[in-house]
PDB file of all heavy atoms in Angstrom:
ATOM      1  N   VAL A   1      39.695 -28.910 -65.429  1.00  0.00           N
ATOM      2  CA  VAL A   1      40.119 -28.205 -66.656  1.00  0.00           C
ATOM      3  C   VAL A   1      40.005 -29.067 -67.819  1.00  0.00           C
ATOM      4  O   VAL A   1      39.711 -28.617 -68.887  1.00  0.00           O
ATOM      5  CB  VAL A   1      41.566 -27.620 -66.445  1.00  0.00           C
ATOM      6  CG1 VAL A   1      42.137 -27.129 -67.787  1.00  0.00           C
ATOM      7  CG2 VAL A   1      41.576 -26.540 -65.438  1.00  0.00           C
ATOM      8  N   LYS A   2      40.283 -30.378 -67.633  1.00  0.00           N
ATOM      9  CA  LYS A   2      40.251 -31.308 -68.807  1.00  0.00           C
ATOM     10  C   LYS A   2      38.882 -31.384 -69.387  1.00  0.00           C
ATOM     11  O   LYS A   2      38.689 -31.715 -70.598  1.00  0.00           O
ATOM     12  CB  LYS A   2      40.759 -32.705 -68.356  1.00  0.00           C
ATOM     13  CG  LYS A   2      39.841 -33.328 -67.305  1.00  0.00           C
ATOM     14  CD  LYS A   2      40.368 -34.731 -66.886  1.00  0.00           C
ATOM     15  CE  LYS A   2      39.520 -35.301 -65.842  1.00  0.00           C
ATOM     16  NZ  LYS A   2      39.999 -35.176 -64.544  1.00  0.00           N
ATOM     17  N   ASN A   3      37.806 -31.036 -68.648  1.00  0.00           N
ATOM     18  CA  ASN A   3      36.445 -31.135 -69.149  1.00  0.00           C
ATOM     19  C   ASN A   3      35.988 -29.798 -69.909  1.00  0.00           C
ATOM     20  O   ASN A   3      34.921 -29.775 -70.512  1.00  0.00           O
ATOM     21  CB  ASN A   3      35.448 -31.359 -68.048  1.00  0.00           C
ATOM     22  CG  ASN A   3      35.760 -32.663 -67.370  1.00  0.00           C
ATOM     23  OD1 ASN A   3      36.171 -33.678 -67.985  1.00  0.00           O
ATOM     24  ND2 ASN A   3      35.555 -32.723 -66.035  1.00  0.00           N
ATOM     25  N   MET A   4      36.805 -28.818 -69.807  1.00  0.00           N
ATOM     26  CA  MET A   4      36.462 -27.530 -70.418  1.00  0.00           C
ATOM     27  C   MET A   4      36.576 -27.638 -71.894  1.00  0.00           C
ATOM     28  O   MET A   4      37.516 -28.268 -72.480  1.00  0.00           O
ATOM     29  CB  MET A   4      37.337 -26.415 -69.955  1.00  0.00           C
ATOM     30  CG  MET A   4      37.174 -26.101 -68.462  1.00  0.00           C
ATOM     31  SD  MET A   4      38.347 -24.845 -67.779  1.00  0.00           S
ATOM     32  CE  MET A   4      37.815 -23.414 -68.715  1.00  0.00           C
ATOM     33  N   ARG A   5      35.661 -27.006 -72.683  1.00  0.00           N
ATOM     34  CA  ARG A   5      35.641 -27.025 -74.114  1.00  0.00           C
ATOM     35  C   ARG A   5      36.097 -25.673 -74.731  1.00  0.00           C
ATOM     36  O   ARG A   5      36.601 -25.592 -75.822  1.00  0.00           O
ATOM     37  CB  ARG A   5      34.275 -27.329 -74.622  1.00  0.00           C
ATOM     38  CG  ARG A   5      33.741 -28.677 -74.161  1.00  0.00           C
ATOM     39  CD  ARG A   5      33.328 -29.566 -75.245  1.00  0.00           C
ATOM     40  NE  ARG A   5      32.552 -30.757 -74.815  1.00  0.00           N
ATOM     41  CZ  ARG A   5      33.211 -31.855 -74.297  1.00  0.00           C
ATOM     42  NH1 ARG A   5      34.438 -31.835 -74.130  1.00  0.00           N
ATOM     43  NH2 ARG A   5      32.445 -32.846 -73.951  1.00  0.00           N
ATOM     44  N   SER A   6      35.912 -24.626 -73.976  1.00  0.00           N
ATOM     45  CA  SER A   6      36.282 -23.289 -74.362  1.00  0.00           C
ATOM     46  C   SER A   6      36.588 -22.409 -73.165  1.00  0.00           C
ATOM     47  O   SER A   6      36.328 -22.821 -72.050  1.00  0.00           O
ATOM     48  CB  SER A   6      35.210 -22.613 -75.257  1.00  0.00           C
ATOM     49  OG  SER A   6      34.035 -22.463 -74.463  1.00  0.00           O
ATOM     50  N   ILE A   7      37.170 -21.193 -73.437  1.00  0.00           N
ATOM     51  CA  ILE A   7      37.484 -20.333 -72.355  1.00  0.00           C
ATOM     52  C   ILE A   7      37.171 -18.920 -72.714  1.00  0.00           C
ATOM     53  O   ILE A   7      37.343 -18.529 -73.812  1.00  0.00           O
ATOM     54  CB  ILE A   7      38.980 -20.519 -71.898  1.00  0.00           C
ATOM     55  CG1 ILE A   7      39.221 -19.752 -70.586  1.00  0.00           C
ATOM     56  CG2 ILE A   7      39.924 -20.047 -73.024  1.00  0.00           C
ATOM     57  CD1 ILE A   7      40.540 -20.137 -69.895  1.00  0.00           C
ATOM     58  N   LYS A   8      36.595 -18.200 -71.742  1.00  0.00           N
ATOM     59  CA  LYS A   8      36.468 -16.727 -71.871  1.00  0.00           C
ATOM     60  C   LYS A   8      37.626 -16.119 -71.154  1.00  0.00           C
ATOM     61  O   LYS A   8      38.320 -16.735 -70.382  1.00  0.00           O
ATOM     62  CB  LYS A   8      35.103 -16.378 -71.178  1.00  0.00           C
ATOM     63  CG  LYS A   8      33.852 -17.010 -71.862  1.00  0.00           C
ATOM     64  CD  LYS A   8      32.682 -16.573 -71.146  1.00  0.00           C
ATOM     65  CE  LYS A   8      31.409 -17.164 -71.826  1.00  0.00           C
ATOM     66  NZ  LYS A   8      30.153 -16.753 -71.179  1.00  0.00           N
ATOM     67  N   PRO A   9      37.844 -14.799 -71.458  1.00  0.00           N
ATOM     68  CA  PRO A   9      38.877 -14.138 -70.715  1.00  0.00           C
ATOM     69  C   PRO A   9      38.771 -14.263 -69.180  1.00  0.00           C
ATOM     70  O   PRO A   9      37.605 -14.177 -68.646  1.00  0.00           O
ATOM     71  CB  PRO A   9      38.754 -12.617 -71.149  1.00  0.00           C
ATOM     72  CG  PRO A   9      38.062 -12.707 -72.502  1.00  0.00           C
ATOM     73  CD  PRO A   9      37.088 -13.933 -72.385  1.00  0.00           C
ATOM     74  N   ILE A  10      39.889 -14.526 -68.534  1.00  0.00           N
ATOM     75  CA  ILE A  10      39.911 -14.744 -67.151  1.00  0.00           C
ATOM     76  C   ILE A  10      41.185 -14.165 -66.570  1.00  0.00           C
ATOM     77  O   ILE A  10      42.235 -14.168 -67.133  1.00  0.00           O
ATOM     78  CB  ILE A  10      39.813 -16.278 -66.780  1.00  0.00           C
ATOM     79  CG1 ILE A  10      39.819 -16.512 -65.319  1.00  0.00           C
ATOM     80  CG2 ILE A  10      41.018 -17.013 -67.440  1.00  0.00           C
ATOM     81  CD1 ILE A  10      39.544 -17.957 -64.939  1.00  0.00           C
ATOM     82  N   ILE A  11      40.991 -13.532 -65.371  1.00  0.00           N
ATOM     83  CA  ILE A  11      42.125 -13.122 -64.538  1.00  0.00           C
ATOM     84  C   ILE A  11      42.006 -13.828 -63.183  1.00  0.00           C
ATOM     85  O   ILE A  11      41.001 -13.757 -62.547  1.00  0.00           O
ATOM     86  CB  ILE A  11      42.126 -11.611 -64.241  1.00  0.00           C
ATOM     87  CG1 ILE A  11      42.142 -10.797 -65.566  1.00  0.00           C
ATOM     88  CG2 ILE A  11      43.250 -11.167 -63.382  1.00  0.00           C
ATOM     89  CD1 ILE A  11      41.999  -9.270 -65.369  1.00  0.00           C
ATOM     90  N   ILE A  12      43.077 -14.591 -62.916  1.00  0.00           N
ATOM     91  CA  ILE A  12      43.165 -15.289 -61.606  1.00  0.00           C
ATOM     92  C   ILE A  12      43.850 -14.404 -60.652  1.00  0.00           C
ATOM     93  O   ILE A  12      45.065 -14.127 -60.879  1.00  0.00           O
ATOM     94  CB  ILE A  12      43.780 -16.691 -61.816  1.00  0.00           C
ATOM     95  CG1 ILE A  12      43.002 -17.477 -62.856  1.00  0.00           C
ATOM     96  CG2 ILE A  12      44.000 -17.393 -60.491  1.00  0.00           C
ATOM     97  CD1 ILE A  12      43.611 -18.771 -63.264  1.00  0.00           C
ATOM     98  N   PHE A  13      43.272 -14.099 -59.585  1.00  0.00           N
ATOM     99  CA  PHE A  13      43.927 -13.150 -58.560  1.00  0.00           C
ATOM    100  C   PHE A  13      44.358 -14.015 -57.376  1.00  0.00           C
ATOM    101  O   PHE A  13      43.684 -14.930 -56.958  1.00  0.00           O
ATOM    102  CB  PHE A  13      42.901 -12.125 -58.035  1.00  0.00           C
ATOM    103  CG  PHE A  13      42.561 -11.109 -59.039  1.00  0.00           C
ATOM    104  CD1 PHE A  13      41.399 -11.186 -59.817  1.00  0.00           C
ATOM    105  CD2 PHE A  13      43.322  -9.997 -59.172  1.00  0.00           C
ATOM    106  CE1 PHE A  13      41.107 -10.225 -60.718  1.00  0.00           C
ATOM    107  CE2 PHE A  13      42.968  -9.035 -60.111  1.00  0.00           C
ATOM    108  CZ  PHE A  13      41.903  -9.133 -60.888  1.00  0.00           C
ATOM    109  N   SER A  14      45.532 -13.767 -56.940  1.00  0.00           N
ATOM    110  CA  SER A  14      46.151 -14.526 -55.859  1.00  0.00           C
ATOM    111  C   SER A  14      46.947 -13.673 -54.955  1.00  0.00           C
ATOM    112  O   SER A  14      47.390 -12.624 -55.313  1.00  0.00           O
ATOM    113  CB  SER A  14      47.061 -15.643 -56.450  1.00  0.00           C
ATOM    114  OG  SER A  14      47.747 -16.348 -55.449  1.00  0.00           O
ATOM    115  N   GLY A  15      47.142 -14.097 -53.679  1.00  0.00           N
ATOM    116  CA  GLY A  15      47.922 -13.362 -52.757  1.00  0.00           C
ATOM    117  C   GLY A  15      49.008 -14.230 -52.200  1.00  0.00           C
ATOM    118  O   GLY A  15      48.724 -15.392 -51.765  1.00  0.00           O
ATOM    119  N   GLU A  16      50.224 -13.797 -52.146  1.00  0.00           N
ATOM    120  CA  GLU A  16      51.312 -14.656 -51.612  1.00  0.00           C
ATOM    121  C   GLU A  16      51.212 -14.976 -50.148  1.00  0.00           C
ATOM    122  O   GLU A  16      51.773 -15.905 -49.713  1.00  0.00           O
ATOM    123  CB  GLU A  16      52.635 -13.955 -51.907  1.00  0.00           C
ATOM    124  CG  GLU A  16      53.009 -13.932 -53.385  1.00  0.00           C
ATOM    125  CD  GLU A  16      54.325 -13.279 -53.714  1.00  0.00           C
ATOM    126  OE1 GLU A  16      55.105 -13.004 -52.752  1.00  0.00           O
ATOM    127  OE2 GLU A  16      54.639 -13.107 -54.890  1.00  0.00           O
ATOM    128  N   ASN A  17      50.381 -14.192 -49.391  1.00  0.00           N
ATOM    129  CA  ASN A  17      50.239 -14.428 -47.987  1.00  0.00           C
ATOM    130  C   ASN A  17      48.947 -15.054 -47.715  1.00  0.00           C
ATOM    131  O   ASN A  17      48.408 -15.016 -46.509  1.00  0.00           O
ATOM    132  CB  ASN A  17      50.321 -13.124 -47.192  1.00  0.00           C
ATOM    133  CG  ASN A  17      51.793 -12.590 -47.208  1.00  0.00           C
ATOM    134  OD1 ASN A  17      52.764 -13.413 -47.305  1.00  0.00           O
ATOM    135  ND2 ASN A  17      51.934 -11.261 -47.233  1.00  0.00           N
ATOM    136  N   ASP A  18      48.252 -15.658 -48.677  1.00  0.00           N
ATOM    137  CA  ASP A  18      46.970 -16.291 -48.466  1.00  0.00           C
ATOM    138  C   ASP A  18      47.118 -17.529 -47.547  1.00  0.00           C
ATOM    139  O   ASP A  18      47.878 -18.523 -47.970  1.00  0.00           O
ATOM    140  CB  ASP A  18      46.309 -16.690 -49.811  1.00  0.00           C
ATOM    141  CG  ASP A  18      44.942 -17.057 -49.676  1.00  0.00           C
ATOM    142  OD1 ASP A  18      44.532 -17.621 -48.616  1.00  0.00           O
ATOM    143  OD2 ASP A  18      44.144 -16.867 -50.656  1.00  0.00           O
ATOM    144  N   GLU A  19      46.498 -17.538 -46.433  1.00  0.00           N
ATOM    145  CA  GLU A  19      46.608 -18.720 -45.478  1.00  0.00           C
ATOM    146  C   GLU A  19      45.642 -19.860 -45.839  1.00  0.00           C
ATOM    147  O   GLU A  19      45.763 -20.906 -45.144  1.00  0.00           O
ATOM    148  CB  GLU A  19      46.436 -18.188 -44.019  1.00  0.00           C
ATOM    149  CG  GLU A  19      45.039 -17.751 -43.727  1.00  0.00           C
ATOM    150  CD  GLU A  19      44.640 -16.382 -44.226  1.00  0.00           C
ATOM    151  OE1 GLU A  19      45.506 -15.609 -44.786  1.00  0.00           O
ATOM    152  OE2 GLU A  19      43.463 -16.019 -44.024  1.00  0.00           O
ATOM    153  N   ARG A  20      44.737 -19.628 -46.692  1.00  0.00           N
ATOM    154  CA  ARG A  20      43.752 -20.623 -47.015  1.00  0.00           C
ATOM    155  C   ARG A  20      43.999 -21.275 -48.395  1.00  0.00           C
ATOM    156  O   ARG A  20      43.817 -22.455 -48.559  1.00  0.00           O
ATOM    157  CB  ARG A  20      42.359 -20.117 -47.010  1.00  0.00           C
ATOM    158  CG  ARG A  20      41.899 -19.724 -45.653  1.00  0.00           C
ATOM    159  CD  ARG A  20      40.475 -19.291 -45.648  1.00  0.00           C
ATOM    160  NE  ARG A  20      40.096 -18.873 -44.282  1.00  0.00           N
ATOM    161  CZ  ARG A  20      38.911 -18.539 -43.924  1.00  0.00           C
ATOM    162  NH1 ARG A  20      37.962 -18.545 -44.737  1.00  0.00           N
ATOM    163  NH2 ARG A  20      38.666 -18.112 -42.692  1.00  0.00           N
ATOM    164  N   VAL A  21      44.366 -20.528 -49.379  1.00  0.00           N
ATOM    165  CA  VAL A  21      44.584 -21.049 -50.733  1.00  0.00           C
ATOM    166  C   VAL A  21      46.016 -20.567 -51.119  1.00  0.00           C
ATOM    167  O   VAL A  21      46.237 -19.461 -51.383  1.00  0.00           O
ATOM    168  CB  VAL A  21      43.542 -20.443 -51.720  1.00  0.00           C
ATOM    169  CG1 VAL A  21      43.781 -21.054 -53.104  1.00  0.00           C
ATOM    170  CG2 VAL A  21      42.123 -20.728 -51.280  1.00  0.00           C
ATOM    171  N   ASN A  22      46.910 -21.570 -51.069  1.00  0.00           N
ATOM    172  CA  ASN A  22      48.274 -21.304 -51.423  1.00  0.00           C
ATOM    173  C   ASN A  22      48.419 -20.701 -52.789  1.00  0.00           C
ATOM    174  O   ASN A  22      47.751 -21.094 -53.692  1.00  0.00           O
ATOM    175  CB  ASN A  22      49.049 -22.635 -51.315  1.00  0.00           C
ATOM    176  CG  ASN A  22      50.506 -22.478 -51.450  1.00  0.00           C
ATOM    177  OD1 ASN A  22      50.994 -21.875 -52.453  1.00  0.00           O
ATOM    178  ND2 ASN A  22      51.247 -23.003 -50.443  1.00  0.00           N
ATOM    179  N   ALA A  23      49.318 -19.673 -52.884  1.00  0.00           N
ATOM    180  CA  ALA A  23      49.513 -19.037 -54.135  1.00  0.00           C
ATOM    181  C   ALA A  23      49.858 -19.976 -55.326  1.00  0.00           C
ATOM    182  O   ALA A  23      49.546 -19.735 -56.420  1.00  0.00           O
ATOM    183  CB  ALA A  23      50.579 -17.912 -54.015  1.00  0.00           C
ATOM    184  N   GLU A  24      50.525 -21.090 -54.908  1.00  0.00           N
ATOM    185  CA  GLU A  24      50.890 -22.087 -55.930  1.00  0.00           C
ATOM    186  C   GLU A  24      49.647 -22.640 -56.607  1.00  0.00           C
ATOM    187  O   GLU A  24      49.767 -22.932 -57.839  1.00  0.00           O
ATOM    188  CB  GLU A  24      51.616 -23.287 -55.250  1.00  0.00           C
ATOM    189  CG  GLU A  24      53.032 -22.956 -54.818  1.00  0.00           C
ATOM    190  CD  GLU A  24      53.943 -22.695 -56.056  1.00  0.00           C
ATOM    191  OE1 GLU A  24      53.907 -23.402 -57.065  1.00  0.00           O
ATOM    192  OE2 GLU A  24      54.766 -21.684 -55.996  1.00  0.00           O
ATOM    193  N   GLN A  25      48.525 -22.675 -55.948  1.00  0.00           N
ATOM    194  CA  GLN A  25      47.305 -23.185 -56.627  1.00  0.00           C
ATOM    195  C   GLN A  25      46.882 -22.356 -57.770  1.00  0.00           C
ATOM    196  O   GLN A  25      46.456 -22.872 -58.750  1.00  0.00           O
ATOM    197  CB  GLN A  25      46.176 -23.306 -55.577  1.00  0.00           C
ATOM    198  CG  GLN A  25      46.485 -24.443 -54.570  1.00  0.00           C
ATOM    199  CD  GLN A  25      45.310 -24.619 -53.628  1.00  0.00           C
ATOM    200  OE1 GLN A  25      44.193 -24.575 -54.068  1.00  0.00           O
ATOM    201  NE2 GLN A  25      45.546 -24.885 -52.391  1.00  0.00           N
ATOM    202  N   ALA A  26      47.045 -21.028 -57.557  1.00  0.00           N
ATOM    203  CA  ALA A  26      46.678 -20.107 -58.694  1.00  0.00           C
ATOM    204  C   ALA A  26      47.651 -20.314 -59.862  1.00  0.00           C
ATOM    205  O   ALA A  26      47.246 -20.214 -61.000  1.00  0.00           O
ATOM    206  CB  ALA A  26      46.682 -18.657 -58.126  1.00  0.00           C
ATOM    207  N   ARG A  27      48.921 -20.499 -59.520  1.00  0.00           N
ATOM    208  CA  ARG A  27      49.916 -20.739 -60.541  1.00  0.00           C
ATOM    209  C   ARG A  27      49.616 -22.005 -61.308  1.00  0.00           C
ATOM    210  O   ARG A  27      49.686 -22.117 -62.552  1.00  0.00           O
ATOM    211  CB  ARG A  27      51.285 -20.744 -59.950  1.00  0.00           C
ATOM    212  CG  ARG A  27      51.666 -19.382 -59.398  1.00  0.00           C
ATOM    213  CD  ARG A  27      53.051 -19.443 -58.785  1.00  0.00           C
ATOM    214  NE  ARG A  27      53.213 -18.311 -57.884  1.00  0.00           N
ATOM    215  CZ  ARG A  27      53.787 -18.384 -56.660  1.00  0.00           C
ATOM    216  NH1 ARG A  27      54.212 -19.563 -56.164  1.00  0.00           N
ATOM    217  NH2 ARG A  27      53.883 -17.338 -55.944  1.00  0.00           N
ATOM    218  N   PHE A  28      49.290 -23.045 -60.553  1.00  0.00           N
ATOM    219  CA  PHE A  28      48.998 -24.412 -61.156  1.00  0.00           C
ATOM    220  C   PHE A  28      47.761 -24.251 -62.129  1.00  0.00           C
ATOM    221  O   PHE A  28      47.789 -24.847 -63.235  1.00  0.00           O
ATOM    222  CB  PHE A  28      48.789 -25.441 -60.125  1.00  0.00           C
ATOM    223  CG  PHE A  28      49.988 -25.800 -59.291  1.00  0.00           C
ATOM    224  CD1 PHE A  28      49.791 -26.319 -58.059  1.00  0.00           C
ATOM    225  CD2 PHE A  28      51.245 -25.761 -59.791  1.00  0.00           C
ATOM    226  CE1 PHE A  28      50.883 -26.628 -57.289  1.00  0.00           C
ATOM    227  CE2 PHE A  28      52.340 -26.033 -59.008  1.00  0.00           C
ATOM    228  CZ  PHE A  28      52.139 -26.485 -57.742  1.00  0.00           C
ATOM    229  N   MET A  29      46.804 -23.494 -61.685  1.00  0.00           N
ATOM    230  CA  MET A  29      45.546 -23.384 -62.437  1.00  0.00           C
ATOM    231  C   MET A  29      45.822 -22.610 -63.729  1.00  0.00           C
ATOM    232  O   MET A  29      45.360 -22.968 -64.789  1.00  0.00           O
ATOM    233  CB  MET A  29      44.499 -22.644 -61.570  1.00  0.00           C
ATOM    234  CG  MET A  29      43.113 -22.593 -62.318  1.00  0.00           C
ATOM    235  SD  MET A  29      42.366 -24.187 -62.516  1.00  0.00           S
ATOM    236  CE  MET A  29      40.769 -23.826 -63.094  1.00  0.00           C
ATOM    237  N   THR A  30      46.608 -21.543 -63.583  1.00  0.00           N
ATOM    238  CA  THR A  30      47.011 -20.707 -64.751  1.00  0.00           C
ATOM    239  C   THR A  30      47.761 -21.598 -65.738  1.00  0.00           C
ATOM    240  O   THR A  30      47.396 -21.594 -66.948  1.00  0.00           O
ATOM    241  CB  THR A  30      47.811 -19.528 -64.370  1.00  0.00           C
ATOM    242  OG1 THR A  30      47.009 -18.742 -63.380  1.00  0.00           O
ATOM    243  CG2 THR A  30      48.108 -18.678 -65.566  1.00  0.00           C
ATOM    244  N   GLU A  31      48.704 -22.356 -65.288  1.00  0.00           N
ATOM    245  CA  GLU A  31      49.495 -23.212 -66.170  1.00  0.00           C
ATOM    246  C   GLU A  31      48.613 -24.281 -66.859  1.00  0.00           C
ATOM    247  O   GLU A  31      48.801 -24.596 -67.978  1.00  0.00           O
ATOM    248  CB  GLU A  31      50.590 -23.886 -65.381  1.00  0.00           C
ATOM    249  CG  GLU A  31      51.525 -24.711 -66.246  1.00  0.00           C
ATOM    250  CD  GLU A  31      52.214 -23.906 -67.382  1.00  0.00           C
ATOM    251  OE1 GLU A  31      52.519 -22.722 -67.192  1.00  0.00           O
ATOM    252  OE2 GLU A  31      52.408 -24.518 -68.422  1.00  0.00           O
ATOM    253  N   ALA A  32      47.651 -24.828 -66.075  1.00  0.00           N
ATOM    254  CA  ALA A  32      46.774 -25.870 -66.655  1.00  0.00           C
ATOM    255  C   ALA A  32      45.873 -25.290 -67.741  1.00  0.00           C
ATOM    256  O   ALA A  32      45.653 -25.898 -68.789  1.00  0.00           O
ATOM    257  CB  ALA A  32      45.856 -26.476 -65.542  1.00  0.00           C
ATOM    258  N   LEU A  33      45.392 -24.068 -67.539  1.00  0.00           N
ATOM    259  CA  LEU A  33      44.629 -23.434 -68.596  1.00  0.00           C
ATOM    260  C   LEU A  33      45.501 -23.035 -69.800  1.00  0.00           C
ATOM    261  O   LEU A  33      44.987 -23.231 -71.002  1.00  0.00           O
ATOM    262  CB  LEU A  33      43.989 -22.112 -68.001  1.00  0.00           C
ATOM    263  CG  LEU A  33      42.912 -22.366 -66.982  1.00  0.00           C
ATOM    264  CD1 LEU A  33      42.517 -21.078 -66.371  1.00  0.00           C
ATOM    265  CD2 LEU A  33      41.680 -22.999 -67.606  1.00  0.00           C
ATOM    266  N   TYR A  34      46.709 -22.650 -69.621  1.00  0.00           N
ATOM    267  CA  TYR A  34      47.614 -22.420 -70.723  1.00  0.00           C
ATOM    268  C   TYR A  34      47.837 -23.717 -71.562  1.00  0.00           C
ATOM    269  O   TYR A  34      47.856 -23.667 -72.765  1.00  0.00           O
ATOM    270  CB  TYR A  34      48.975 -21.897 -70.241  1.00  0.00           C
ATOM    271  CG  TYR A  34      49.080 -20.458 -69.816  1.00  0.00           C
ATOM    272  CD1 TYR A  34      50.136 -20.101 -68.990  1.00  0.00           C
ATOM    273  CD2 TYR A  34      48.112 -19.511 -70.243  1.00  0.00           C
ATOM    274  CE1 TYR A  34      50.215 -18.750 -68.625  1.00  0.00           C
ATOM    275  CE2 TYR A  34      48.195 -18.222 -69.908  1.00  0.00           C
ATOM    276  CZ  TYR A  34      49.299 -17.841 -69.037  1.00  0.00           C
ATOM    277  OH  TYR A  34      49.409 -16.526 -68.643  1.00  0.00           O
ATOM    278  N   ARG A  35      48.011 -24.833 -70.842  1.00  0.00           N
ATOM    279  CA  ARG A  35      48.207 -26.112 -71.538  1.00  0.00           C
ATOM    280  C   ARG A  35      46.951 -26.571 -72.261  1.00  0.00           C
ATOM    281  O   ARG A  35      47.067 -27.065 -73.398  1.00  0.00           O
ATOM    282  CB  ARG A  35      48.656 -27.212 -70.529  1.00  0.00           C
ATOM    283  CG  ARG A  35      50.071 -27.131 -70.166  1.00  0.00           C
ATOM    284  CD  ARG A  35      50.606 -28.397 -69.409  1.00  0.00           C
ATOM    285  NE  ARG A  35      49.759 -28.827 -68.285  1.00  0.00           N
ATOM    286  CZ  ARG A  35      49.861 -28.438 -67.060  1.00  0.00           C
ATOM    287  NH1 ARG A  35      50.807 -27.491 -66.699  1.00  0.00           N
ATOM    288  NH2 ARG A  35      49.071 -28.809 -66.141  1.00  0.00           N
ATOM    289  N   LYS A  36      45.739 -26.409 -71.662  1.00  0.00           N
ATOM    290  CA  LYS A  36      44.547 -26.798 -72.288  1.00  0.00           C
ATOM    291  C   LYS A  36      44.176 -25.900 -73.477  1.00  0.00           C
ATOM    292  O   LYS A  36      43.651 -26.330 -74.468  1.00  0.00           O
ATOM    293  CB  LYS A  36      43.422 -26.740 -71.235  1.00  0.00           C
ATOM    294  CG  LYS A  36      42.025 -27.008 -71.772  1.00  0.00           C
ATOM    295  CD  LYS A  36      41.880 -28.453 -72.131  1.00  0.00           C
ATOM    296  CE  LYS A  36      40.357 -28.680 -72.601  1.00  0.00           C
ATOM    297  NZ  LYS A  36      40.123 -30.065 -72.809  1.00  0.00           N
ATOM    298  N   PHE A  37      44.486 -24.567 -73.377  1.00  0.00           N
ATOM    299  CA  PHE A  37      44.138 -23.611 -74.375  1.00  0.00           C
ATOM    300  C   PHE A  37      45.347 -22.870 -74.866  1.00  0.00           C
ATOM    301  O   PHE A  37      45.499 -21.673 -74.544  1.00  0.00           O
ATOM    302  CB  PHE A  37      43.006 -22.641 -73.843  1.00  0.00           C
ATOM    303  CG  PHE A  37      41.810 -23.323 -73.371  1.00  0.00           C
ATOM    304  CD1 PHE A  37      41.598 -23.542 -72.054  1.00  0.00           C
ATOM    305  CD2 PHE A  37      40.912 -23.811 -74.305  1.00  0.00           C
ATOM    306  CE1 PHE A  37      40.470 -24.171 -71.595  1.00  0.00           C
ATOM    307  CE2 PHE A  37      39.737 -24.501 -73.877  1.00  0.00           C
ATOM    308  CZ  PHE A  37      39.492 -24.690 -72.528  1.00  0.00           C
ATOM    309  N   PRO A  38      46.259 -23.540 -75.522  1.00  0.00           N
ATOM    310  CA  PRO A  38      47.595 -22.893 -75.871  1.00  0.00           C
ATOM    311  C   PRO A  38      47.443 -21.625 -76.729  1.00  0.00           C
ATOM    312  O   PRO A  38      48.335 -20.779 -76.738  1.00  0.00           O
ATOM    313  CB  PRO A  38      48.397 -23.968 -76.521  1.00  0.00           C
ATOM    314  CG  PRO A  38      47.320 -24.979 -76.966  1.00  0.00           C
ATOM    315  CD  PRO A  38      46.216 -24.885 -76.084  1.00  0.00           C
TER     316      PRO A  38
END
């Protein structure tokens, strides 16, 4: 995320029962994007 210069509209989809990608990862990514592009 630190290397990104701009952002287009994005929706991050997540499932609370995802056995491969923990839902926390989607939350962390969303928060990182909010911090980078306030």
